[in-house]
Amino acid sequence: MNKRPLYFDYAATTPVDERVIQVMVECLGFDANFGNPASSSHAYGQQARQTVERSRQQVADLIGAEAGQIVWTSGATESNNLALKGVAQARGVTGGHVITSQIEHKAILDTARQLEEAGVAVTYLAPDAEGLITAQAVREALRDDTFLVSLMLVNNELGTVNDIPAIGQVVREHGALLHVDAAQGAGKVAIDLKEWAVDLMSFSAHKIYGPKGIGALYVGPRARQGLQAQIHGGGHEGGLRSGTLATHQIAGMGAAFALAAEFFDEEAASIAALHERLIGPLRVLAGVRLNGSAAQRIPHTLSLTFNEGEFDSAALSASIAFSATSACNSASNAPSHVLLALGHDARAAGRTIRLSLGRFTCEQDIDQAVLLIKAAIASAPAFWAVTAP
């Protein structure tokens, strides 16, 4: 049996934690908690409903929200669609203005383009040199008819962290709603929606050691009455998202968020140490550049661009599972729109890899990855030349 490559693609998806799997199994099979949570008239349905509501509370606890503010979806992509389309359509009029950025996930960018086709004006903010969207940039883009701002908490390719509390204050003062895609931030950044001026926030379980196919949208009080459902058929989830709830997936998401809350500090320290162990030997090489802010970032995700030379990405991919671009671009094999927005040309984007660390990364993985990356770099003198101070 061939040895599997080292896994350094946690930003794309995480393996489901064994403790989460056990919780999910308890919701499958006749002797388990299999009932329809909408059928509350008998014990099977009541037991399933209790599981759903407990899980809702577990998600809310991690992010400083109330359980009743959590709406189940199939994942962050659906949550993003519900947030953007739902707010735009609930206005009942055409026109208006939305602000987002050039470096959002395609689930935001493609949805924003749909809004444009429906007559909504959209501003796509460019990131600064550090790969960040600043509160000042948002302030300067706001218009009298701006009704929604949608920005990510953590960039999925760079790992950079936008100052959402500061941006939220600017948007709240204006009167617009703020939506935040936090798929990459949950469990990595301390989120407090009791304090942050955020109206809508998207989450996905499979980015936080839960199952694929389940996510959630936080809907704050300012957004509740101004959100139109996108899926109809039964009025589930307070009328915002119809469909039979998948108890096993919801229980898995709740368990994953509960584990993230319980081990938040311990895991943050562990990943930070692994990050330094990885980036330390690489940052001294003249031919390697870290993309995005070195300070305002999560330690889990590194985007590295290699100088012109014979860096053998294909050979490296046989030993390390990494991303040459984000998962949202990989289907088209197009250069990363995030790197292009940072000023990279297509060739530089092609010499860029994303390494992302996670719960099951160990020191041995890091040390092997460093050796493999060095081996994939050509030994040309121009590449290895020491840069003058």
Protein backbone atom coordinates (compact mmCIF):
# COMPACT_ATOMS: atom_id res chain seq x y z
CA MET A 1 0.00 0.00 0.00
CA ASN A 2 1.41 3.37 -0.99
CA LYS A 3 2.04 5.83 1.80
CA ARG A 4 -0.34 8.76 1.67
CA PRO A 5 1.15 12.26 1.33
CA LEU A 6 1.46 14.56 4.31
CA TYR A 7 -1.77 16.51 4.74
CA PHE A 8 -1.29 20.29 4.58
CA ASP A 9 -4.67 21.31 3.13
CA TYR A 10 -6.82 21.91 6.21
CA ALA A 11 -8.10 25.17 4.73
CA ALA A 12 -9.77 23.15 1.97
CA THR A 13 -11.38 20.67 4.36
CA THR A 14 -10.68 18.98 7.67
CA PRO A 15 -11.02 15.31 8.57
CA VAL A 16 -13.99 14.70 10.84
CA ASP A 17 -12.83 14.35 14.44
CA GLU A 18 -13.43 10.84 15.83
CA ARG A 19 -15.36 12.35 18.74
CA VAL A 20 -17.65 14.06 16.23
CA ILE A 21 -18.11 10.82 14.29
CA GLN A 22 -19.29 9.08 17.45
CA VAL A 23 -21.91 11.76 18.07
CA MET A 24 -23.12 11.42 14.48
CA VAL A 25 -23.35 7.63 14.67
CA GLU A 26 -25.65 8.01 17.65
CA CYS A 27 -28.16 9.63 15.27
CA LEU A 28 -28.15 6.79 12.71
CA GLY A 29 -29.96 3.46 12.73
CA PHE A 30 -33.23 2.25 14.27
CA ASP A 31 -31.78 1.99 17.78
CA ALA A 32 -30.30 5.46 17.52
CA ASN A 33 -31.66 9.01 17.46
CA PHE A 34 -33.05 8.83 13.91
CA GLY A 35 -36.41 10.61 14.25
CA ASN A 36 -37.57 13.61 12.25
CA PRO A 37 -36.94 16.67 14.45
CA ALA A 38 -40.02 18.37 12.96
CA SER A 39 -42.24 15.51 14.21
CA SER A 40 -42.45 16.58 17.84
CA SER A 41 -45.65 14.69 18.66
CA HIS A 42 -43.82 11.46 19.54
CA ALA A 43 -40.67 10.48 21.41
CA TYR A 44 -38.55 9.88 18.31
CA GLY A 45 -39.12 13.35 16.97
CA GLN A 46 -38.80 14.97 20.38
CA GLN A 47 -35.45 13.30 20.98
CA ALA A 48 -34.18 14.46 17.59
CA ARG A 49 -35.47 17.98 18.23
CA GLN A 50 -33.58 18.08 21.53
CA THR A 51 -30.40 17.09 19.72
CA VAL A 52 -30.91 19.79 17.09
CA GLU A 53 -31.49 22.47 19.70
CA ARG A 54 -28.55 21.36 21.82
CA SER A 55 -26.36 21.58 18.73
CA ARG A 56 -27.74 25.01 17.91
CA GLN A 57 -26.67 26.14 21.39
CA GLN A 58 -23.20 24.63 20.92
CA VAL A 59 -22.68 26.62 17.72
CA ALA A 60 -23.97 29.78 19.39
CA ASP A 61 -21.69 29.31 22.42
CA LEU A 62 -18.51 29.38 20.32
CA ILE A 63 -19.39 32.66 18.62
CA GLY A 64 -21.10 34.59 21.41
CA ALA A 65 -24.60 34.40 19.94
CA GLU A 66 -28.05 33.27 21.08
CA ALA A 67 -29.23 29.84 20.00
CA GLY A 68 -32.31 31.31 18.33
CA GLN A 69 -30.06 33.36 16.04
CA ILE A 70 -28.59 30.25 14.36
CA VAL A 71 -30.22 29.06 11.12
CA TRP A 72 -29.12 25.67 9.73
CA THR A 73 -28.03 25.50 6.10
CA SER A 74 -26.13 23.05 3.90
CA GLY A 75 -22.86 24.96 4.32
CA ALA A 76 -21.24 28.38 4.07
CA THR A 77 -22.01 28.66 0.35
CA GLU A 78 -25.73 28.43 1.01
CA SER A 79 -25.39 30.72 4.03
CA ASN A 80 -23.65 33.32 1.87
CA ASN A 81 -26.36 33.08 -0.77
CA LEU A 82 -29.11 33.40 1.82
CA ALA A 83 -27.41 36.42 3.37
CA LEU A 84 -26.74 38.38 0.17
CA LYS A 85 -29.77 37.43 -1.91
CA GLY A 86 -32.02 37.34 1.10
CA VAL A 87 -31.19 40.90 2.15
CA ALA A 88 -31.33 42.26 -1.40
CA GLN A 89 -34.67 40.62 -2.23
CA ALA A 90 -36.29 41.56 1.07
CA ARG A 91 -35.89 45.23 0.20
CA GLY A 92 -38.59 44.75 -2.44
CA VAL A 93 -37.03 47.27 -4.80
CA THR A 94 -34.34 47.14 -7.46
CA GLY A 95 -31.15 49.14 -7.25
CA GLY A 96 -29.20 49.97 -4.14
CA HIS A 97 -25.53 49.36 -3.43
CA VAL A 98 -23.50 46.49 -1.95
CA ILE A 99 -19.83 46.51 -0.92
CA THR A 100 -17.62 43.43 -0.97
CA SER A 101 -13.99 42.81 -1.94
CA GLN A 102 -11.92 41.36 -4.76
CA ILE A 103 -10.50 38.63 -2.51
CA GLU A 104 -13.71 37.05 -1.23
CA HIS A 105 -14.58 33.41 -1.73
CA LYS A 106 -16.32 32.66 -5.03
CA ALA A 107 -19.50 31.95 -3.06
CA ILE A 108 -19.61 35.69 -2.40
CA LEU A 109 -18.22 36.94 -5.70
CA ASP A 110 -20.53 34.85 -7.88
CA THR A 111 -23.53 35.79 -5.76
CA ALA A 112 -22.58 39.47 -5.96
CA ARG A 113 -22.51 39.19 -9.74
CA GLN A 114 -26.01 37.74 -9.63
CA LEU A 115 -27.10 40.80 -7.68
CA GLU A 116 -25.50 43.03 -10.32
CA GLU A 117 -27.54 41.30 -13.01
CA ALA A 118 -30.63 42.07 -10.94
CA GLY A 119 -29.78 45.78 -10.91
CA VAL A 120 -27.79 46.15 -7.70
CA ALA A 121 -24.59 48.19 -7.87
CA VAL A 122 -21.61 46.37 -6.35
CA THR A 123 -18.24 47.78 -5.30
CA TYR A 124 -15.36 45.29 -5.13
CA LEU A 125 -12.74 46.72 -2.78
CA ALA A 126 -9.09 46.02 -3.57
CA PRO A 127 -6.97 44.69 -0.69
CA ASP A 128 -4.06 46.70 0.62
CA ALA A 129 -0.49 45.45 0.20
CA GLU A 130 -0.95 43.24 3.28
CA GLY A 131 -3.96 41.46 1.82
CA LEU A 132 -6.39 43.23 4.14
CA ILE A 133 -9.60 45.19 3.73
CA THR A 134 -9.51 48.13 6.13
CA ALA A 135 -12.30 49.97 7.88
CA GLN A 136 -11.16 53.15 6.14
CA ALA A 137 -11.54 51.54 2.73
CA VAL A 138 -15.08 50.53 3.65
CA ARG A 139 -15.86 54.01 4.94
CA GLU A 140 -14.70 55.61 1.69
CA ALA A 141 -16.81 53.20 -0.40
CA LEU A 142 -20.08 53.68 1.48
CA ARG A 143 -22.85 55.48 -0.40
CA ASP A 144 -26.24 56.80 0.63
CA ASP A 145 -27.86 53.77 -1.00
CA THR A 146 -25.48 51.15 0.46
CA PHE A 147 -27.63 48.56 2.21
CA LEU A 148 -25.16 45.69 2.71
CA VAL A 149 -21.43 45.12 3.20
CA SER A 150 -20.09 41.56 2.89
CA LEU A 151 -16.49 40.78 3.87
CA MET A 152 -14.71 37.67 5.08
CA LEU A 153 -13.18 37.34 8.53
CA VAL A 154 -10.21 35.20 7.45
CA ASN A 155 -9.02 34.98 3.87
CA ASN A 156 -9.05 31.37 2.74
CA GLU A 157 -5.83 31.63 0.70
CA LEU A 158 -3.71 34.06 2.70
CA GLY A 159 -4.85 33.49 6.27
CA THR A 160 -5.08 37.26 6.79
CA VAL A 161 -7.63 38.49 9.34
CA ASN A 162 -9.74 41.55 8.64
CA ASP A 163 -10.55 43.87 11.55
CA ILE A 164 -14.23 43.03 11.57
CA PRO A 165 -15.03 44.83 14.86
CA ALA A 166 -13.70 48.10 13.41
CA ILE A 167 -15.41 47.54 10.06
CA GLY A 168 -18.63 46.70 11.88
CA GLN A 169 -18.65 50.02 13.71
CA VAL A 170 -18.24 51.91 10.43
CA VAL A 171 -21.07 49.98 8.77
CA ARG A 172 -23.36 50.25 11.80
CA GLU A 173 -22.87 54.03 11.98
CA HIS A 174 -23.87 54.24 8.32
CA GLY A 175 -26.98 52.12 8.86
CA ALA A 176 -26.22 49.29 6.43
CA LEU A 177 -26.11 45.61 7.37
CA LEU A 178 -22.79 43.73 7.70
CA HIS A 179 -22.43 40.13 6.58
CA VAL A 180 -19.23 38.21 7.40
CA ASP A 181 -18.10 34.95 5.83
CA ALA A 182 -16.44 33.25 8.83
CA ALA A 183 -16.00 29.78 7.33
CA GLN A 184 -12.23 29.99 7.83
CA GLY A 185 -12.43 31.84 11.14
CA ALA A 186 -14.56 29.70 13.44
CA GLY A 187 -12.40 27.95 16.00
CA LYS A 188 -9.33 29.95 14.95
CA VAL A 189 -10.36 33.52 15.78
CA ALA A 190 -12.17 34.49 18.98
CA ILE A 191 -15.61 35.64 17.73
CA ASP A 192 -17.99 37.53 20.02
CA LEU A 193 -21.21 38.49 18.28
CA LYS A 194 -22.55 40.02 21.48
CA GLU A 195 -19.87 42.69 21.07
CA TRP A 196 -19.23 42.82 17.32
CA ALA A 197 -21.49 44.98 15.14
CA VAL A 198 -22.21 42.10 12.75
CA ASP A 199 -25.69 41.29 11.43
CA LEU A 200 -25.10 38.07 9.49
CA MET A 201 -22.28 35.51 9.69
CA SER A 202 -21.71 32.30 7.72
CA PHE A 203 -20.19 29.03 8.96
CA SER A 204 -19.38 25.59 7.56
CA ALA A 205 -18.85 22.45 9.66
CA HIS A 206 -16.27 20.81 7.41
CA LYS A 207 -13.75 23.58 8.07
CA ILE A 208 -13.80 22.83 11.79
CA TYR A 209 -13.57 18.99 11.96
CA GLY A 210 -17.26 18.44 11.36
CA PRO A 211 -19.07 16.79 8.43
CA LYS A 212 -19.55 18.21 4.95
CA GLY A 213 -23.02 19.25 3.88
CA ILE A 214 -23.99 21.24 6.97
CA GLY A 215 -23.48 24.87 7.91
CA ALA A 216 -25.20 27.75 9.60
CA LEU A 217 -26.05 31.42 9.23
CA TYR A 218 -26.09 33.70 12.25
CA VAL A 219 -28.98 36.15 11.84
CA GLY A 220 -28.84 39.10 14.20
CA PRO A 221 -31.82 41.20 15.28
CA ARG A 222 -31.24 43.97 12.72
CA ALA A 223 -31.29 41.43 9.87
CA ARG A 224 -34.10 39.14 11.01
CA GLN A 225 -36.97 41.06 9.46
CA GLY A 226 -34.96 42.01 6.39
CA LEU A 227 -34.09 38.57 5.10
CA GLN A 228 -36.01 36.64 2.45
CA ALA A 229 -35.84 32.84 2.36
CA GLN A 230 -34.27 31.20 -0.69
CA ILE A 231 -35.63 27.68 -0.10
CA HIS A 232 -39.37 27.21 0.48
CA GLY A 233 -41.44 24.23 1.50
CA GLY A 234 -42.59 23.89 5.08
CA GLY A 235 -41.38 27.01 6.83
CA HIS A 236 -38.60 25.34 8.83
CA GLU A 237 -35.94 27.41 10.63
CA GLY A 238 -38.30 30.26 11.37
CA GLY A 239 -39.34 30.38 7.74
CA LEU A 240 -35.80 31.14 6.57
CA ARG A 241 -34.73 27.71 5.34
CA SER A 242 -37.24 24.95 4.63
CA GLY A 243 -36.33 21.27 4.52
CA THR A 244 -36.10 18.29 6.85
CA LEU A 245 -33.23 18.86 9.25
CA ALA A 246 -30.35 16.35 9.02
CA THR A 247 -30.03 15.48 12.70
CA HIS A 248 -26.79 13.52 12.34
CA GLN A 249 -25.04 16.33 10.45
CA ILE A 250 -26.36 19.00 12.79
CA ALA A 251 -25.22 16.98 15.81
CA GLY A 252 -21.80 16.66 14.18
CA MET A 253 -21.55 20.40 13.65
CA GLY A 254 -22.60 21.08 17.22
CA ALA A 255 -20.03 18.64 18.56
CA ALA A 256 -17.31 20.14 16.36
CA PHE A 257 -18.05 23.66 17.61
CA ALA A 258 -18.16 22.44 21.22
CA LEU A 259 -14.72 20.83 20.85
CA ALA A 260 -13.36 24.01 19.27
CA ALA A 261 -14.62 26.01 22.25
CA GLU A 262 -13.26 23.56 24.82
CA PHE A 263 -9.76 23.38 23.34
CA PHE A 264 -9.54 26.86 21.77
CA ASP A 265 -6.53 28.17 23.71
CA GLU A 266 -4.65 24.86 23.66
CA GLU A 267 -5.11 24.42 19.92
CA ALA A 268 -4.20 28.03 19.13
CA ALA A 269 -0.90 27.68 21.00
CA SER A 270 -0.12 24.35 19.31
CA ILE A 271 -0.78 25.65 15.78
CA ALA A 272 1.23 28.82 16.45
CA ALA A 273 4.23 26.72 17.50
CA LEU A 274 3.92 24.50 14.43
CA HIS A 275 3.65 27.58 12.21
CA GLU A 276 6.95 28.94 13.53
CA ARG A 277 8.59 25.55 13.11
CA LEU A 278 7.51 25.56 9.45
CA ILE A 279 8.05 29.17 8.43
CA GLY A 280 11.34 29.60 10.31
CA PRO A 281 13.51 27.50 7.97
CA LEU A 282 11.69 28.83 4.89
CA ARG A 283 11.69 32.56 5.58
CA VAL A 284 15.52 32.66 5.48
CA LEU A 285 15.55 31.49 1.87
CA ALA A 286 15.95 34.37 -0.56
CA GLY A 287 13.61 32.72 -3.05
CA VAL A 288 10.53 32.34 -0.85
CA ARG A 289 7.97 35.04 -0.03
CA LEU A 290 5.09 34.89 2.42
CA ASN A 291 1.96 36.48 0.96
CA GLY A 292 -0.20 38.68 3.14
CA SER A 293 0.31 40.35 6.49
CA ALA A 294 2.91 38.73 8.70
CA ALA A 295 1.15 39.99 11.82
CA GLN A 296 -2.61 40.19 11.18
CA ARG A 297 -3.17 36.56 10.29
CA ILE A 298 -4.01 33.13 11.64
CA PRO A 299 -1.02 30.76 11.96
CA HIS A 300 -2.93 27.94 10.28
CA THR A 301 -2.55 29.15 6.68
CA LEU A 302 0.56 30.13 4.73
CA SER A 303 0.69 31.30 1.12
CA LEU A 304 4.22 31.02 -0.28
CA THR A 305 5.43 32.32 -3.64
CA PHE A 306 8.70 31.01 -5.04
CA ASN A 307 11.04 33.02 -7.26
CA GLU A 308 11.60 32.22 -10.89
CA GLY A 309 13.48 28.94 -10.92
CA GLU A 310 12.78 25.29 -11.21
CA PHE A 311 10.48 24.81 -8.26
CA ASP A 312 8.90 21.44 -8.94
CA SER A 313 5.32 21.75 -7.70
CA ALA A 314 4.26 18.48 -9.33
CA ALA A 315 6.99 16.50 -7.59
CA LEU A 316 6.14 18.11 -4.26
CA SER A 317 2.46 17.24 -4.63
CA ALA A 318 3.34 13.55 -4.61
CA SER A 319 4.62 13.92 -1.05
CA ILE A 320 2.55 16.78 0.36
CA ALA A 321 -1.16 17.44 -0.04
CA PHE A 322 -1.34 21.21 -0.49
CA SER A 323 -3.26 23.66 -2.65
CA ALA A 324 -1.83 25.40 -5.69
CA THR A 325 -4.88 27.68 -5.50
CA SER A 326 -8.00 27.79 -3.38
CA ALA A 327 -10.60 25.07 -3.76
CA CYS A 328 -13.03 27.60 -5.27
CA ASN A 329 -10.64 28.17 -8.20
CA SER A 330 -9.31 24.65 -8.67
CA ALA A 331 -12.14 23.43 -10.94
CA SER A 332 -11.24 25.95 -13.63
CA ASN A 333 -7.48 25.71 -13.01
CA ALA A 334 -7.43 29.51 -13.22
CA PRO A 335 -4.84 31.67 -11.44
CA SER A 336 -5.90 32.66 -7.96
CA HIS A 337 -8.06 35.78 -8.04
CA VAL A 338 -6.72 36.58 -4.57
CA LEU A 339 -3.10 36.61 -5.74
CA LEU A 340 -3.99 38.58 -8.85
CA ALA A 341 -5.68 41.17 -6.63
CA LEU A 342 -2.47 41.40 -4.61
CA GLY A 343 -0.56 42.29 -7.78
CA HIS A 344 0.84 38.89 -8.73
CA ASP A 345 0.83 38.04 -12.41
CA ALA A 346 -0.38 34.65 -13.59
CA ARG A 347 3.18 33.23 -13.63
CA ALA A 348 3.84 34.25 -10.02
CA ALA A 349 0.45 32.84 -9.02
CA GLY A 350 1.52 29.59 -10.65
CA ARG A 351 4.60 29.48 -8.40
CA THR A 352 2.52 29.88 -5.27
CA ILE A 353 1.38 27.17 -2.89
CA ARG A 354 -0.91 27.26 0.13
CA LEU A 355 0.03 25.16 3.14
CA SER A 356 -2.54 24.91 5.91
CA LEU A 357 -2.07 23.27 9.30
CA GLY A 358 -4.62 21.70 11.58
CA ARG A 359 -5.49 19.65 14.62
CA PHE A 360 -3.70 16.51 13.47
CA THR A 361 -0.51 18.14 12.17
CA CYS A 362 2.52 17.09 14.20
CA GLU A 363 6.14 18.25 14.48
CA GLN A 364 7.34 15.30 12.39
CA ASP A 365 5.00 16.39 9.57
CA ILE A 366 6.44 19.90 9.71
CA ASP A 367 10.05 18.75 9.62
CA GLN A 368 9.41 16.41 6.70
CA ALA A 369 7.58 19.15 4.81
CA VAL A 370 10.49 21.56 5.21
CA LEU A 371 12.90 18.98 3.79
CA LEU A 372 10.57 18.18 0.89
CA ILE A 373 10.04 21.84 0.01
CA LYS A 374 13.76 22.50 0.02
CA ALA A 375 14.32 19.48 -2.21
CA ALA A 376 11.74 20.80 -4.67
CA ILE A 377 13.61 24.07 -5.06
CA ALA A 378 16.19 24.20 -7.81
CA SER A 379 19.80 24.69 -6.75
CA ALA A 380 20.38 27.50 -9.24
CA PRO A 381 22.75 30.14 -7.76
CA ALA A 382 20.35 32.95 -8.60
CA PHE A 383 17.62 31.26 -6.59
CA TRP A 384 19.70 30.56 -3.51
CA ALA A 385 21.56 33.89 -3.51
CA VAL A 386 21.44 35.64 -0.18
CA THR A 387 19.54 38.90 -0.33
CA ALA A 388 21.52 41.92 0.86
CA PRO A 389 20.19 43.48 4.07
